[in-house]
Amino acid sequence: MILLHSFIKKNQKTPKSELELAKQRLKALQGKK
């Protein structure tokens, strides 16, 4: 498991900006392999 991003979740729905940041970091990581 690779931790890409962490934040404190204060409600049921995950903020869109947090999801986008994690997706960007995943793509960057996959590009390095």
N, C-alpha and C. Protein backbone atom coordinates (compact mmCIF):
# COMPACT_ATOMS: atom_id res chain seq x y z
N MET A 1 0.85 -1.16 0.00
CA MET A 1 0.00 0.00 0.00
C MET A 1 0.89 1.23 0.00
N ILE A 2 0.50 2.22 -0.79
CA ILE A 2 1.22 3.48 -0.86
C ILE A 2 0.27 4.59 -0.44
N LEU A 3 0.68 5.38 0.54
CA LEU A 3 -0.13 6.49 1.01
C LEU A 3 0.14 7.69 0.11
N LEU A 4 -0.88 8.16 -0.60
CA LEU A 4 -0.72 9.28 -1.53
C LEU A 4 -1.11 10.61 -0.90
N HIS A 5 -2.08 10.57 0.01
CA HIS A 5 -2.61 11.81 0.56
C HIS A 5 -3.40 11.47 1.82
N SER A 6 -3.34 12.34 2.80
CA SER A 6 -4.14 12.13 4.01
C SER A 6 -4.81 13.44 4.40
N PHE A 7 -5.97 13.32 5.02
CA PHE A 7 -6.71 14.48 5.51
C PHE A 7 -7.71 14.01 6.55
N ILE A 8 -8.22 14.94 7.32
CA ILE A 8 -9.22 14.62 8.34
C ILE A 8 -10.60 14.78 7.71
N LYS A 9 -11.33 13.68 7.69
CA LYS A 9 -12.66 13.67 7.08
C LYS A 9 -13.68 14.10 8.14
N LYS A 10 -14.38 15.19 7.87
CA LYS A 10 -15.31 15.74 8.86
C LYS A 10 -16.77 15.43 8.55
N ASN A 11 -17.04 14.88 7.36
CA ASN A 11 -18.41 14.49 7.04
C ASN A 11 -18.39 13.24 6.17
N GLN A 12 -19.53 12.78 5.75
CA GLN A 12 -19.65 11.51 5.02
C GLN A 12 -19.02 11.56 3.63
N LYS A 13 -19.15 12.70 2.95
CA LYS A 13 -18.67 12.81 1.57
C LYS A 13 -17.23 13.33 1.53
N THR A 14 -16.42 12.70 0.68
CA THR A 14 -15.04 13.12 0.50
C THR A 14 -15.02 14.32 -0.45
N PRO A 15 -14.36 15.41 -0.07
CA PRO A 15 -14.31 16.59 -0.94
C PRO A 15 -13.67 16.27 -2.29
N LYS A 16 -14.23 16.84 -3.35
CA LYS A 16 -13.75 16.59 -4.71
C LYS A 16 -12.29 17.01 -4.87
N SER A 17 -11.90 18.10 -4.23
CA SER A 17 -10.51 18.57 -4.35
C SER A 17 -9.54 17.55 -3.77
N GLU A 18 -9.93 16.88 -2.70
CA GLU A 18 -9.07 15.86 -2.08
C GLU A 18 -8.92 14.65 -3.00
N LEU A 19 -10.01 14.26 -3.65
CA LEU A 19 -9.95 13.13 -4.59
C LEU A 19 -9.07 13.46 -5.79
N GLU A 20 -9.21 14.68 -6.31
CA GLU A 20 -8.41 15.09 -7.47
C GLU A 20 -6.92 15.11 -7.14
N LEU A 21 -6.57 15.60 -5.96
CA LEU A 21 -5.17 15.64 -5.55
C LEU A 21 -4.59 14.23 -5.45
N ALA A 22 -5.35 13.32 -4.87
CA ALA A 22 -4.88 11.93 -4.75
C ALA A 22 -4.73 11.29 -6.13
N LYS A 23 -5.66 11.57 -7.05
CA LYS A 23 -5.57 11.02 -8.40
C LYS A 23 -4.34 11.56 -9.14
N GLN A 24 -4.05 12.84 -8.97
CA GLN A 24 -2.87 13.44 -9.60
C GLN A 24 -1.60 12.78 -9.09
N ARG A 25 -1.53 12.56 -7.79
CA ARG A 25 -0.34 11.94 -7.21
C ARG A 25 -0.19 10.49 -7.65
N LEU A 26 -1.31 9.79 -7.80
CA LEU A 26 -1.26 8.41 -8.28
C LEU A 26 -0.73 8.36 -9.71
N LYS A 27 -1.21 9.25 -10.56
CA LYS A 27 -0.74 9.30 -11.95
C LYS A 27 0.75 9.62 -12.00
N ALA A 28 1.21 10.55 -11.15
CA ALA A 28 2.62 10.90 -11.12
C ALA A 28 3.46 9.70 -10.69
N LEU A 29 2.98 8.97 -9.71
CA LEU A 29 3.70 7.80 -9.21
C LEU A 29 3.75 6.71 -10.28
N GLN A 30 2.64 6.47 -10.97
CA GLN A 30 2.59 5.45 -12.01
C GLN A 30 3.49 5.82 -13.19
N GLY A 31 3.67 7.11 -13.44
CA GLY A 31 4.53 7.56 -14.52
C GLY A 31 6.00 7.31 -14.24
N LYS A 32 6.37 7.23 -12.97
CA LYS A 32 7.77 7.01 -12.58
C LYS A 32 8.18 5.56 -12.68
N LYS A 33 7.22 4.65 -12.72
CA LYS A 33 7.54 3.21 -12.75
C LYS A 33 7.92 2.76 -14.13
